[in-house]
Amino acid sequence: MNKFILGGLSALVFLGFTALHAPEARAEHTVDNTPLPSTIRVAIRSENPSGESDPRGRIVWVQTVPFEEYCQDVLPNEWVPSWHVEALKAGAMAVKMFAWYHHLHPVTIDGFTFDVDNTVNFQSFRYWSRQPETNAAVQAVRNAAYVKPNGEIIELNYRAGYRNSPNWQYRNAQKMAQWGSQYWAERGRNWVQILQFYYMDRTLRWIR
């Protein structure tokens, strides 16, 4: 029986059939059929006594923000602006892909429909908090996307991680360590290599 099965597979391969691999499922949203958003809807939550937006606070209103400006006003609140430029570029890509994914999957809470809120529930957004260093990183990855091999737009999650550590534990969890991005940048890795370390089964694609 084994010889028969192997012979059958050999015949299929000879005839040009790909018998050993099922076709990959077609993704609904890919970089080939989905343009980068021009805007994103940000739910603004009420502040806590210290003046910070409260992740558990009520939604006060929804602000529509130009997409690139949103990324500029998130990155300096998630990555340290004085960090290595390659760490900032890796962070800019994570911020961008996270926002793009959630733009495609809006939610409605308490009658408000939005893509993200302005707290760590999603990404920490502070209007006009942008910095020259982080703006440059956002601009550097403007025409790139980091997606699944079939082009599917997927969020890139991240966590703080530990200082002075590669943070291997996040690699297995498909999350980038923010401190880990700085660790690798200081050791000569560029932003693409940093992304490759933390996100398995992803690829870089250039977009318009």
N, C-alpha and C. Protein backbone atom coordinates (compact mmCIF):
# COMPACT_ATOMS: atom_id res chain seq x y z
N MET A 1 0.83 -1.21 0.00
CA MET A 1 0.00 0.00 0.00
C MET A 1 0.86 1.26 0.00
N ASN A 2 1.94 1.27 0.79
CA ASN A 2 2.80 2.44 0.82
C ASN A 2 3.40 2.73 -0.55
N LYS A 3 3.81 1.65 -1.24
CA LYS A 3 4.39 1.86 -2.57
C LYS A 3 3.35 2.43 -3.52
N PHE A 4 2.12 1.98 -3.38
CA PHE A 4 1.06 2.47 -4.26
C PHE A 4 0.82 3.96 -4.02
N ILE A 5 0.77 4.36 -2.74
CA ILE A 5 0.53 5.77 -2.42
C ILE A 5 1.67 6.63 -2.94
N LEU A 6 2.90 6.20 -2.69
CA LEU A 6 4.04 6.98 -3.14
C LEU A 6 4.06 7.08 -4.66
N GLY A 7 3.72 5.97 -5.31
CA GLY A 7 3.69 5.99 -6.76
C GLY A 7 2.65 6.96 -7.27
N GLY A 8 1.48 6.97 -6.61
CA GLY A 8 0.42 7.88 -7.02
C GLY A 8 0.84 9.33 -6.86
N LEU A 9 1.51 9.64 -5.74
CA LEU A 9 1.97 11.00 -5.52
C LEU A 9 3.01 11.39 -6.55
N SER A 10 3.89 10.45 -6.88
CA SER A 10 4.92 10.75 -7.88
C SER A 10 4.28 11.08 -9.21
N ALA A 11 3.22 10.34 -9.55
CA ALA A 11 2.53 10.60 -10.81
C ALA A 11 1.89 11.98 -10.81
N LEU A 12 1.30 12.36 -9.66
CA LEU A 12 0.67 13.67 -9.58
C LEU A 12 1.70 14.78 -9.73
N VAL A 13 2.86 14.60 -9.06
CA VAL A 13 3.92 15.59 -9.18
C VAL A 13 4.40 15.68 -10.61
N PHE A 14 4.55 14.52 -11.25
CA PHE A 14 5.01 14.49 -12.64
C PHE A 14 4.05 15.23 -13.55
N LEU A 15 2.75 15.11 -13.26
CA LEU A 15 1.75 15.76 -14.09
C LEU A 15 1.57 17.23 -13.75
N GLY A 16 2.28 17.72 -12.71
CA GLY A 16 2.23 19.14 -12.39
C GLY A 16 1.24 19.51 -11.32
N PHE A 17 0.65 18.52 -10.64
CA PHE A 17 -0.29 18.82 -9.57
C PHE A 17 0.48 19.04 -8.27
N THR A 18 -0.03 19.92 -7.41
CA THR A 18 0.57 20.13 -6.09
C THR A 18 -0.28 19.40 -5.07
N ALA A 19 -0.08 18.10 -4.98
CA ALA A 19 -0.94 17.26 -4.16
C ALA A 19 -0.66 17.40 -2.67
N LEU A 20 0.54 17.84 -2.31
CA LEU A 20 0.92 17.84 -0.90
C LEU A 20 0.53 19.12 -0.17
N HIS A 21 0.10 20.16 -0.90
CA HIS A 21 -0.17 21.44 -0.26
C HIS A 21 -1.55 21.95 -0.66
N ALA A 22 -2.40 22.15 0.32
CA ALA A 22 -3.70 22.75 0.04
C ALA A 22 -3.51 24.23 -0.29
N PRO A 23 -4.33 24.78 -1.17
CA PRO A 23 -4.19 26.21 -1.50
C PRO A 23 -4.46 27.08 -0.29
N GLU A 24 -3.69 28.16 -0.16
CA GLU A 24 -3.85 29.07 0.97
C GLU A 24 -5.17 29.81 0.84
N ALA A 25 -5.88 29.95 1.96
CA ALA A 25 -7.16 30.64 1.94
C ALA A 25 -6.99 32.08 1.49
N ARG A 26 -7.92 32.55 0.69
CA ARG A 26 -7.84 33.92 0.19
C ARG A 26 -8.26 34.88 1.29
N ALA A 27 -7.43 35.87 1.54
CA ALA A 27 -7.71 36.85 2.59
C ALA A 27 -8.64 37.93 2.07
N GLU A 28 -9.50 38.44 2.94
CA GLU A 28 -10.43 39.48 2.53
C GLU A 28 -9.73 40.81 2.31
N HIS A 29 -8.82 41.16 3.23
CA HIS A 29 -8.13 42.44 3.15
C HIS A 29 -6.63 42.21 2.97
N THR A 30 -6.12 42.56 1.80
CA THR A 30 -4.69 42.44 1.53
C THR A 30 -4.16 43.79 1.04
N VAL A 31 -2.84 43.90 1.00
CA VAL A 31 -2.25 45.13 0.50
C VAL A 31 -2.48 45.29 -1.00
N ASP A 32 -2.93 44.23 -1.66
CA ASP A 32 -3.21 44.30 -3.09
C ASP A 32 -4.61 44.85 -3.39
N ASN A 33 -5.54 44.69 -2.44
CA ASN A 33 -6.91 45.15 -2.71
C ASN A 33 -7.41 46.19 -1.71
N THR A 34 -6.56 46.58 -0.76
CA THR A 34 -6.99 47.50 0.29
C THR A 34 -5.99 48.65 0.42
N PRO A 35 -6.38 49.87 0.07
CA PRO A 35 -5.44 50.99 0.18
C PRO A 35 -5.21 51.39 1.63
N LEU A 36 -4.09 52.02 1.86
CA LEU A 36 -3.80 52.57 3.18
C LEU A 36 -4.86 53.61 3.52
N PRO A 37 -5.40 53.60 4.74
CA PRO A 37 -6.46 54.56 5.08
C PRO A 37 -5.95 56.00 5.00
N SER A 38 -6.85 56.89 4.67
CA SER A 38 -6.50 58.32 4.70
C SER A 38 -6.77 58.92 6.07
N THR A 39 -7.74 58.34 6.80
CA THR A 39 -8.07 58.82 8.14
C THR A 39 -8.34 57.62 9.05
N ILE A 40 -8.42 57.89 10.34
CA ILE A 40 -8.76 56.86 11.32
C ILE A 40 -9.62 57.51 12.41
N ARG A 41 -10.60 56.78 12.91
CA ARG A 41 -11.51 57.31 13.94
C ARG A 41 -11.00 56.90 15.32
N VAL A 42 -10.74 57.90 16.15
CA VAL A 42 -10.16 57.68 17.48
C VAL A 42 -11.18 58.08 18.55
N ALA A 43 -11.59 57.12 19.38
CA ALA A 43 -12.48 57.43 20.49
C ALA A 43 -11.66 58.07 21.61
N ILE A 44 -12.08 59.23 22.06
CA ILE A 44 -11.40 59.95 23.14
C ILE A 44 -12.11 59.63 24.45
N ARG A 45 -11.37 59.06 25.38
CA ARG A 45 -11.96 58.67 26.67
C ARG A 45 -11.72 59.75 27.73
N SER A 46 -12.58 59.74 28.74
CA SER A 46 -12.47 60.71 29.82
C SER A 46 -11.17 60.51 30.58
N GLU A 47 -10.75 61.56 31.28
CA GLU A 47 -9.47 61.54 31.98
C GLU A 47 -9.63 61.08 33.43
N ASN A 48 -8.56 60.50 33.95
CA ASN A 48 -8.52 60.15 35.37
C ASN A 48 -8.05 61.35 36.18
N PRO A 49 -8.00 61.26 37.52
CA PRO A 49 -7.61 62.43 38.33
C PRO A 49 -6.23 62.99 38.01
N SER A 50 -5.34 62.18 37.43
CA SER A 50 -4.00 62.67 37.10
C SER A 50 -3.96 63.37 35.74
N GLY A 51 -5.10 63.43 35.06
CA GLY A 51 -5.15 64.12 33.78
C GLY A 51 -4.87 63.25 32.58
N GLU A 52 -4.67 61.94 32.80
CA GLU A 52 -4.42 61.01 31.70
C GLU A 52 -5.73 60.38 31.24
N SER A 53 -5.84 60.11 29.96
CA SER A 53 -7.03 59.41 29.46
C SER A 53 -7.12 58.04 30.11
N ASP A 54 -8.29 57.71 30.61
CA ASP A 54 -8.49 56.50 31.40
C ASP A 54 -8.98 55.37 30.48
N PRO A 55 -8.24 54.24 30.42
CA PRO A 55 -8.69 53.13 29.58
C PRO A 55 -10.09 52.63 29.93
N ARG A 56 -10.53 52.87 31.18
CA ARG A 56 -11.87 52.47 31.60
C ARG A 56 -12.86 53.64 31.60
N GLY A 57 -12.38 54.79 31.19
CA GLY A 57 -13.23 55.97 31.19
C GLY A 57 -14.29 55.92 30.10
N ARG A 58 -15.30 56.75 30.26
CA ARG A 58 -16.36 56.78 29.26
C ARG A 58 -15.86 57.46 27.99
N ILE A 59 -16.44 57.11 26.88
CA ILE A 59 -16.09 57.74 25.62
C ILE A 59 -16.78 59.09 25.55
N VAL A 60 -16.00 60.13 25.34
CA VAL A 60 -16.53 61.49 25.29
C VAL A 60 -16.93 61.87 23.87
N TRP A 61 -16.08 61.54 22.92
CA TRP A 61 -16.37 61.83 21.53
C TRP A 61 -15.41 61.04 20.65
N VAL A 62 -15.65 61.07 19.35
CA VAL A 62 -14.80 60.37 18.38
C VAL A 62 -14.16 61.40 17.46
N GLN A 63 -12.84 61.37 17.41
CA GLN A 63 -12.07 62.32 16.60
C GLN A 63 -11.57 61.62 15.34
N THR A 64 -11.82 62.22 14.18
CA THR A 64 -11.28 61.70 12.92
C THR A 64 -9.94 62.37 12.66
N VAL A 65 -8.90 61.54 12.52
CA VAL A 65 -7.53 62.04 12.42
C VAL A 65 -6.91 61.54 11.12
N PRO A 66 -6.18 62.37 10.39
CA PRO A 66 -5.42 61.85 9.24
C PRO A 66 -4.53 60.70 9.68
N PHE A 67 -4.51 59.64 8.89
CA PHE A 67 -3.86 58.40 9.32
C PHE A 67 -2.38 58.59 9.66
N GLU A 68 -1.65 59.28 8.81
CA GLU A 68 -0.22 59.46 9.09
C GLU A 68 0.00 60.31 10.34
N GLU A 69 -0.84 61.31 10.54
CA GLU A 69 -0.72 62.13 11.75
C GLU A 69 -1.02 61.30 12.99
N TYR A 70 -1.97 60.38 12.87
CA TYR A 70 -2.25 59.48 14.00
C TYR A 70 -0.99 58.70 14.37
N CYS A 71 -0.32 58.12 13.37
CA CYS A 71 0.91 57.36 13.64
C CYS A 71 1.97 58.25 14.27
N GLN A 72 2.07 59.49 13.79
CA GLN A 72 3.04 60.43 14.35
C GLN A 72 2.75 60.75 15.81
N ASP A 73 1.47 60.76 16.18
CA ASP A 73 1.08 61.12 17.54
C ASP A 73 0.90 59.90 18.45
N VAL A 74 1.21 58.72 17.92
CA VAL A 74 1.26 57.50 18.75
C VAL A 74 2.70 57.11 19.04
N LEU A 75 3.54 57.12 18.01
CA LEU A 75 4.89 56.56 18.15
C LEU A 75 5.69 57.14 19.32
N PRO A 76 5.72 58.46 19.56
CA PRO A 76 6.51 58.97 20.69
C PRO A 76 5.94 58.61 22.05
N ASN A 77 4.71 58.11 22.08
CA ASN A 77 4.10 57.68 23.34
C ASN A 77 4.24 56.18 23.57
N GLU A 78 4.70 55.47 22.55
CA GLU A 78 4.90 54.03 22.67
C GLU A 78 6.39 53.65 22.60
N TRP A 79 7.17 54.42 21.85
CA TRP A 79 8.62 54.22 21.76
C TRP A 79 9.31 55.49 22.26
N VAL A 80 10.46 55.36 22.85
CA VAL A 80 11.19 56.52 23.38
C VAL A 80 11.84 57.27 22.21
N PRO A 81 11.52 58.54 22.00
CA PRO A 81 12.02 59.26 20.82
C PRO A 81 13.55 59.31 20.71
N SER A 82 14.25 59.18 21.82
CA SER A 82 15.72 59.24 21.78
C SER A 82 16.36 57.89 21.45
N TRP A 83 15.55 56.86 21.25
CA TRP A 83 16.09 55.54 20.93
C TRP A 83 16.72 55.54 19.54
N HIS A 84 17.42 54.45 19.26
CA HIS A 84 18.08 54.25 17.98
C HIS A 84 17.06 54.35 16.84
N VAL A 85 17.49 54.95 15.73
CA VAL A 85 16.58 55.18 14.61
C VAL A 85 15.99 53.88 14.07
N GLU A 86 16.74 52.78 14.10
CA GLU A 86 16.20 51.51 13.58
C GLU A 86 15.13 50.94 14.50
N ALA A 87 15.27 51.16 15.80
CA ALA A 87 14.21 50.75 16.73
C ALA A 87 12.95 51.57 16.48
N LEU A 88 13.12 52.86 16.22
CA LEU A 88 11.96 53.72 15.95
C LEU A 88 11.26 53.32 14.65
N LYS A 89 12.02 52.94 13.64
CA LYS A 89 11.40 52.50 12.38
C LYS A 89 10.61 51.21 12.59
N ALA A 90 11.18 50.27 13.36
CA ALA A 90 10.44 49.03 13.65
C ALA A 90 9.15 49.36 14.41
N GLY A 91 9.25 50.29 15.35
CA GLY A 91 8.07 50.71 16.09
C GLY A 91 7.05 51.39 15.20
N ALA A 92 7.52 52.21 14.27
CA ALA A 92 6.61 52.90 13.35
C ALA A 92 5.82 51.90 12.51
N MET A 93 6.48 50.82 12.09
CA MET A 93 5.77 49.80 11.31
C MET A 93 4.73 49.09 12.17
N ALA A 94 5.07 48.77 13.41
CA ALA A 94 4.11 48.10 14.29
C ALA A 94 2.90 49.00 14.54
N VAL A 95 3.15 50.26 14.83
CA VAL A 95 2.06 51.22 15.08
C VAL A 95 1.16 51.33 13.85
N LYS A 96 1.78 51.42 12.68
CA LYS A 96 1.04 51.56 11.43
C LYS A 96 0.17 50.35 11.14
N MET A 97 0.74 49.14 11.24
CA MET A 97 -0.01 47.94 10.90
C MET A 97 -1.11 47.67 11.92
N PHE A 98 -0.86 47.96 13.19
CA PHE A 98 -1.89 47.81 14.21
C PHE A 98 -3.07 48.72 13.88
N ALA A 99 -2.78 49.97 13.53
CA ALA A 99 -3.85 50.92 13.21
C ALA A 99 -4.59 50.53 11.94
N TRP A 100 -3.86 50.09 10.93
CA TRP A 100 -4.48 49.71 9.65
C TRP A 100 -5.45 48.55 9.86
N TYR A 101 -5.01 47.55 10.63
CA TYR A 101 -5.87 46.40 10.89
C TYR A 101 -7.16 46.83 11.60
N HIS A 102 -7.03 47.66 12.62
CA HIS A 102 -8.22 48.05 13.38
C HIS A 102 -9.10 49.03 12.61
N HIS A 103 -8.54 49.76 11.67
CA HIS A 103 -9.36 50.57 10.78
C HIS A 103 -10.31 49.68 9.98
N LEU A 104 -9.87 48.48 9.67
CA LEU A 104 -10.69 47.53 8.91
C LEU A 104 -11.66 46.75 9.79
N HIS A 105 -11.52 46.88 11.11
CA HIS A 105 -12.37 46.14 12.05
C HIS A 105 -12.88 47.09 13.14
N PRO A 106 -13.73 48.05 12.77
CA PRO A 106 -14.23 49.01 13.76
C PRO A 106 -15.15 48.35 14.79
N VAL A 107 -15.33 49.04 15.90
CA VAL A 107 -16.20 48.55 16.97
C VAL A 107 -17.18 49.66 17.34
N THR A 108 -18.28 49.26 17.97
CA THR A 108 -19.27 50.21 18.47
C THR A 108 -19.48 49.97 19.95
N ILE A 109 -19.26 51.00 20.75
CA ILE A 109 -19.42 50.93 22.20
C ILE A 109 -20.20 52.17 22.65
N ASP A 110 -21.25 51.95 23.42
CA ASP A 110 -22.07 53.05 23.96
C ASP A 110 -22.54 54.00 22.86
N GLY A 111 -22.84 53.44 21.71
CA GLY A 111 -23.36 54.25 20.61
C GLY A 111 -22.31 54.94 19.77
N PHE A 112 -21.02 54.78 20.11
CA PHE A 112 -19.93 55.38 19.35
C PHE A 112 -19.25 54.31 18.50
N THR A 113 -19.12 54.57 17.21
CA THR A 113 -18.39 53.66 16.32
C THR A 113 -17.02 54.25 16.05
N PHE A 114 -15.98 53.44 16.24
CA PHE A 114 -14.62 53.94 16.09
C PHE A 114 -13.69 52.79 15.73
N ASP A 115 -12.46 53.15 15.36
CA ASP A 115 -11.45 52.15 14.99
C ASP A 115 -10.54 51.81 16.17
N VAL A 116 -10.12 52.83 16.89
CA VAL A 116 -9.24 52.68 18.05
C VAL A 116 -9.67 53.72 19.09
N ASP A 117 -9.21 53.55 20.33
CA ASP A 117 -9.36 54.66 21.27
C ASP A 117 -7.98 55.25 21.54
N ASN A 118 -7.92 56.25 22.39
CA ASN A 118 -6.66 56.97 22.59
C ASN A 118 -5.85 56.47 23.78
N THR A 119 -6.17 55.26 24.26
CA THR A 119 -5.49 54.72 25.43
C THR A 119 -4.77 53.41 25.10
N VAL A 120 -4.18 52.84 26.12
CA VAL A 120 -3.47 51.57 25.95
C VAL A 120 -4.41 50.41 25.65
N ASN A 121 -5.72 50.65 25.65
CA ASN A 121 -6.62 49.62 25.13
C ASN A 121 -6.25 49.27 23.69
N PHE A 122 -5.77 50.27 22.98
CA PHE A 122 -5.31 50.11 21.60
C PHE A 122 -3.86 50.60 21.53
N GLN A 123 -3.68 51.91 21.28
CA GLN A 123 -2.36 52.52 21.29
C GLN A 123 -2.51 53.90 21.93
N SER A 124 -1.47 54.32 22.62
CA SER A 124 -1.54 55.60 23.34
C SER A 124 -1.39 56.76 22.36
N PHE A 125 -2.48 57.49 22.16
CA PHE A 125 -2.54 58.61 21.22
C PHE A 125 -2.69 59.91 21.98
N ARG A 126 -1.79 60.85 21.72
CA ARG A 126 -1.90 62.19 22.29
C ARG A 126 -1.75 63.19 21.16
N TYR A 127 -2.78 63.94 20.95
CA TYR A 127 -2.79 64.85 19.80
C TYR A 127 -1.65 65.85 19.88
N TRP A 128 -0.93 65.96 18.75
CA TRP A 128 0.18 66.89 18.57
C TRP A 128 1.32 66.64 19.55
N SER A 129 1.57 65.38 19.86
CA SER A 129 2.71 65.01 20.70
C SER A 129 3.91 64.58 19.86
N ARG A 130 3.78 64.67 18.56
CA ARG A 130 4.81 64.20 17.63
C ARG A 130 6.16 64.86 17.88
N GLN A 131 7.22 64.12 17.53
CA GLN A 131 8.59 64.59 17.69
C GLN A 131 9.34 64.41 16.37
N PRO A 132 10.35 65.23 16.09
CA PRO A 132 11.08 65.11 14.82
C PRO A 132 11.64 63.71 14.58
N GLU A 133 12.19 63.08 15.62
CA GLU A 133 12.81 61.76 15.45
C GLU A 133 11.77 60.70 15.09
N THR A 134 10.64 60.73 15.76
CA THR A 134 9.61 59.73 15.47
C THR A 134 8.88 60.05 14.17
N ASN A 135 8.73 61.33 13.84
CA ASN A 135 8.15 61.69 12.54
C ASN A 135 8.99 61.12 11.40
N ALA A 136 10.32 61.21 11.54
CA ALA A 136 11.21 60.69 10.50
C ALA A 136 11.06 59.18 10.36
N ALA A 137 10.84 58.48 11.47
CA ALA A 137 10.66 57.03 11.42
C ALA A 137 9.35 56.67 10.71
N VAL A 138 8.29 57.40 11.01
CA VAL A 138 7.00 57.17 10.34
C VAL A 138 7.15 57.39 8.84
N GLN A 139 7.86 58.44 8.47
CA GLN A 139 8.06 58.74 7.05
C GLN A 139 8.89 57.66 6.37
N ALA A 140 9.86 57.10 7.09
CA ALA A 140 10.77 56.11 6.51
C ALA A 140 10.05 54.83 6.10
N VAL A 141 8.97 54.48 6.80
CA VAL A 141 8.25 53.23 6.48
C VAL A 141 6.92 53.53 5.77
N ARG A 142 6.78 54.73 5.28
CA ARG A 142 5.50 55.17 4.70
C ARG A 142 5.04 54.27 3.56
N ASN A 143 5.96 53.83 2.73
CA ASN A 143 5.60 53.04 1.55
C ASN A 143 5.84 51.54 1.74
N ALA A 144 5.83 51.10 2.98
CA ALA A 144 6.05 49.68 3.27
C ALA A 144 4.94 49.14 4.15
N ALA A 145 4.75 47.84 4.09
CA ALA A 145 3.79 47.14 4.95
C ALA A 145 4.42 45.82 5.36
N TYR A 146 4.08 45.36 6.56
CA TYR A 146 4.60 44.08 7.04
C TYR A 146 3.40 43.18 7.26
N VAL A 147 3.25 42.18 6.40
CA VAL A 147 2.01 41.43 6.29
C VAL A 147 2.28 39.93 6.21
N LYS A 148 1.21 39.15 6.15
CA LYS A 148 1.34 37.72 5.91
C LYS A 148 1.85 37.49 4.48
N PRO A 149 2.40 36.30 4.21
CA PRO A 149 2.92 36.04 2.86
C PRO A 149 1.91 36.24 1.74
N ASN A 150 0.61 36.04 2.03
CA ASN A 150 -0.41 36.25 1.00
C ASN A 150 -0.87 37.71 0.92
N GLY A 151 -0.20 38.59 1.66
CA GLY A 151 -0.52 40.01 1.63
C GLY A 151 -1.57 40.44 2.62
N GLU A 152 -2.08 39.51 3.45
CA GLU A 152 -3.15 39.85 4.39
C GLU A 152 -2.67 40.87 5.41
N ILE A 153 -3.51 41.87 5.64
CA ILE A 153 -3.22 42.92 6.62
C ILE A 153 -3.55 42.39 8.00
N ILE A 154 -2.56 42.33 8.86
CA ILE A 154 -2.72 41.76 10.19
C ILE A 154 -2.08 42.70 11.21
N GLU A 155 -2.66 42.78 12.39
CA GLU A 155 -2.09 43.68 13.39
C GLU A 155 -0.74 43.15 13.87
N LEU A 156 0.15 44.07 14.17
CA LEU A 156 1.43 43.73 14.77
C LEU A 156 1.37 44.17 16.23
N ASN A 157 1.26 43.19 17.12
CA ASN A 157 1.16 43.50 18.55
C ASN A 157 2.55 43.72 19.14
N TYR A 158 2.59 44.42 20.25
CA TYR A 158 3.86 44.67 20.93
C TYR A 158 3.62 44.87 22.42
N ARG A 159 4.68 44.65 23.19
CA ARG A 159 4.67 44.83 24.63
C ARG A 159 5.97 45.49 25.06
N ALA A 160 6.01 46.00 26.26
CA ALA A 160 7.20 46.73 26.72
C ALA A 160 8.44 45.83 26.76
N GLY A 161 8.31 44.65 27.35
CA GLY A 161 9.48 43.78 27.50
C GLY A 161 10.41 44.27 28.59
N TYR A 162 11.63 43.73 28.58
CA TYR A 162 12.62 44.04 29.62
C TYR A 162 13.81 44.76 29.01
N ARG A 163 14.37 45.67 29.77
CA ARG A 163 15.54 46.42 29.32
C ARG A 163 16.74 45.50 29.15
N ASN A 164 17.60 45.88 28.21
CA ASN A 164 18.87 45.17 27.99
C ASN A 164 18.68 43.67 27.79
N SER A 165 17.64 43.33 27.05
CA SER A 165 17.32 41.92 26.82
C SER A 165 16.74 41.75 25.41
N PRO A 166 17.05 40.63 24.74
CA PRO A 166 16.43 40.37 23.44
C PRO A 166 14.95 40.01 23.54
N ASN A 167 14.50 39.64 24.76
CA ASN A 167 13.08 39.31 24.98
C ASN A 167 12.59 38.20 24.05
N TRP A 168 13.29 37.07 24.13
CA TRP A 168 12.93 35.93 23.30
C TRP A 168 11.50 35.47 23.51
N GLN A 169 10.97 35.65 24.72
CA GLN A 169 9.63 35.14 25.02
C GLN A 169 8.56 35.76 24.14
N TYR A 170 8.78 36.98 23.67
CA TYR A 170 7.78 37.62 22.82
C TYR A 170 7.86 37.13 21.39
N ARG A 171 9.01 36.65 20.99
CA ARG A 171 9.13 36.11 19.64
C ARG A 171 8.16 34.94 19.45
N ASN A 172 8.06 34.08 20.42
CA ASN A 172 7.17 32.93 20.32
C ASN A 172 5.70 33.32 20.38
N ALA A 173 5.42 34.52 20.87
CA ALA A 173 4.04 34.98 21.03
C ALA A 173 3.61 35.95 19.92
N GLN A 174 4.43 36.10 18.88
CA GLN A 174 4.12 37.03 17.78
C GLN A 174 3.91 38.45 18.29
N LYS A 175 4.77 38.88 19.20
CA LYS A 175 4.74 40.24 19.71
C LYS A 175 6.16 40.79 19.70
N MET A 176 6.29 42.06 19.41
CA MET A 176 7.59 42.70 19.49
C MET A 176 7.75 43.34 20.86
N ALA A 177 8.92 43.17 21.45
CA ALA A 177 9.24 43.87 22.69
C ALA A 177 9.78 45.25 22.33
N GLN A 178 9.18 46.28 22.90
CA GLN A 178 9.65 47.63 22.61
C GLN A 178 11.10 47.80 23.06
N TRP A 179 11.40 47.36 24.28
CA TRP A 179 12.79 47.41 24.73
C TRP A 179 13.66 46.48 23.91
N GLY A 180 13.10 45.39 23.44
CA GLY A 180 13.86 44.48 22.59
C GLY A 180 14.26 45.11 21.27
N SER A 181 13.39 45.96 20.73
CA SER A 181 13.74 46.63 19.47
C SER A 181 14.96 47.52 19.66
N GLN A 182 15.04 48.18 20.81
CA GLN A 182 16.21 49.01 21.11
C GLN A 182 17.45 48.14 21.33
N TYR A 183 17.26 47.02 22.01
CA TYR A 183 18.37 46.09 22.26
C TYR A 183 19.01 45.66 20.94
N TRP A 184 18.19 45.24 19.98
CA TRP A 184 18.73 44.74 18.72
C TRP A 184 19.28 45.87 17.85
N ALA A 185 18.65 47.03 17.89
CA ALA A 185 19.16 48.16 17.10
C ALA A 185 20.55 48.57 17.58
N GLU A 186 20.75 48.55 18.88
CA GLU A 186 22.07 48.89 19.43
C GLU A 186 23.13 47.87 19.05
N ARG A 187 22.70 46.69 18.62
CA ARG A 187 23.63 45.64 18.23
C ARG A 187 23.71 45.48 16.71
N GLY A 188 23.27 46.48 16.00
CA GLY A 188 23.50 46.54 14.57
C GLY A 188 22.41 46.02 13.66
N ARG A 189 21.29 45.59 14.22
CA ARG A 189 20.22 45.10 13.35
C ARG A 189 19.39 46.27 12.83
N ASN A 190 18.99 46.17 11.56
CA ASN A 190 18.13 47.22 11.02
C ASN A 190 16.67 46.91 11.33
N TRP A 191 15.79 47.81 10.96
CA TRP A 191 14.39 47.69 11.37
C TRP A 191 13.72 46.46 10.79
N VAL A 192 14.08 46.07 9.57
CA VAL A 192 13.48 44.87 8.98
C VAL A 192 13.95 43.63 9.73
N GLN A 193 15.22 43.56 10.07
CA GLN A 193 15.73 42.42 10.83
C GLN A 193 15.09 42.33 12.21
N ILE A 194 14.81 43.47 12.81
CA ILE A 194 14.13 43.47 14.11
C ILE A 194 12.73 42.90 13.97
N LEU A 195 12.00 43.33 12.94
CA LEU A 195 10.66 42.79 12.70
C LEU A 195 10.72 41.29 12.43
N GLN A 196 11.70 40.86 11.65
CA GLN A 196 11.83 39.44 11.33
C GLN A 196 12.09 38.61 12.57
N PHE A 197 12.80 39.17 13.53
CA PHE A 197 13.09 38.43 14.76
C PHE A 197 11.81 38.15 15.55
N TYR A 198 10.92 39.14 15.63
CA TYR A 198 9.76 39.01 16.51
C TYR A 198 8.51 38.44 15.84
N TYR A 199 8.35 38.65 14.55
CA TYR A 199 7.12 38.22 13.89
C TYR A 199 7.41 37.09 12.90
N MET A 200 6.91 35.92 13.20
CA MET A 200 7.09 34.76 12.33
C MET A 200 6.07 34.80 11.19
N ASP A 201 6.43 34.25 10.07
CA ASP A 201 5.51 34.11 8.93
C ASP A 201 4.94 35.46 8.50
N ARG A 202 5.80 36.44 8.40
CA ARG A 202 5.43 37.76 7.89
C ARG A 202 6.44 38.16 6.82
N THR A 203 6.05 39.09 5.97
CA THR A 203 6.94 39.52 4.91
C THR A 203 6.78 41.01 4.65
N LEU A 204 7.83 41.64 4.15
CA LEU A 204 7.80 43.06 3.83
C LEU A 204 7.27 43.25 2.42
N ARG A 205 6.30 44.15 2.28
CA ARG A 205 5.76 44.49 0.97
C ARG A 205 5.82 45.99 0.78
N TRP A 206 6.12 46.41 -0.43
CA TRP A 206 6.14 47.84 -0.74
C TRP A 206 4.80 48.25 -1.31
N ILE A 207 4.29 49.37 -0.86
CA ILE A 207 2.97 49.85 -1.27
C ILE A 207 3.09 51.27 -1.78
N ARG A 208 2.06 51.73 -2.45
CA ARG A 208 2.05 53.11 -2.94
C ARG A 208 1.53 54.05 -1.87
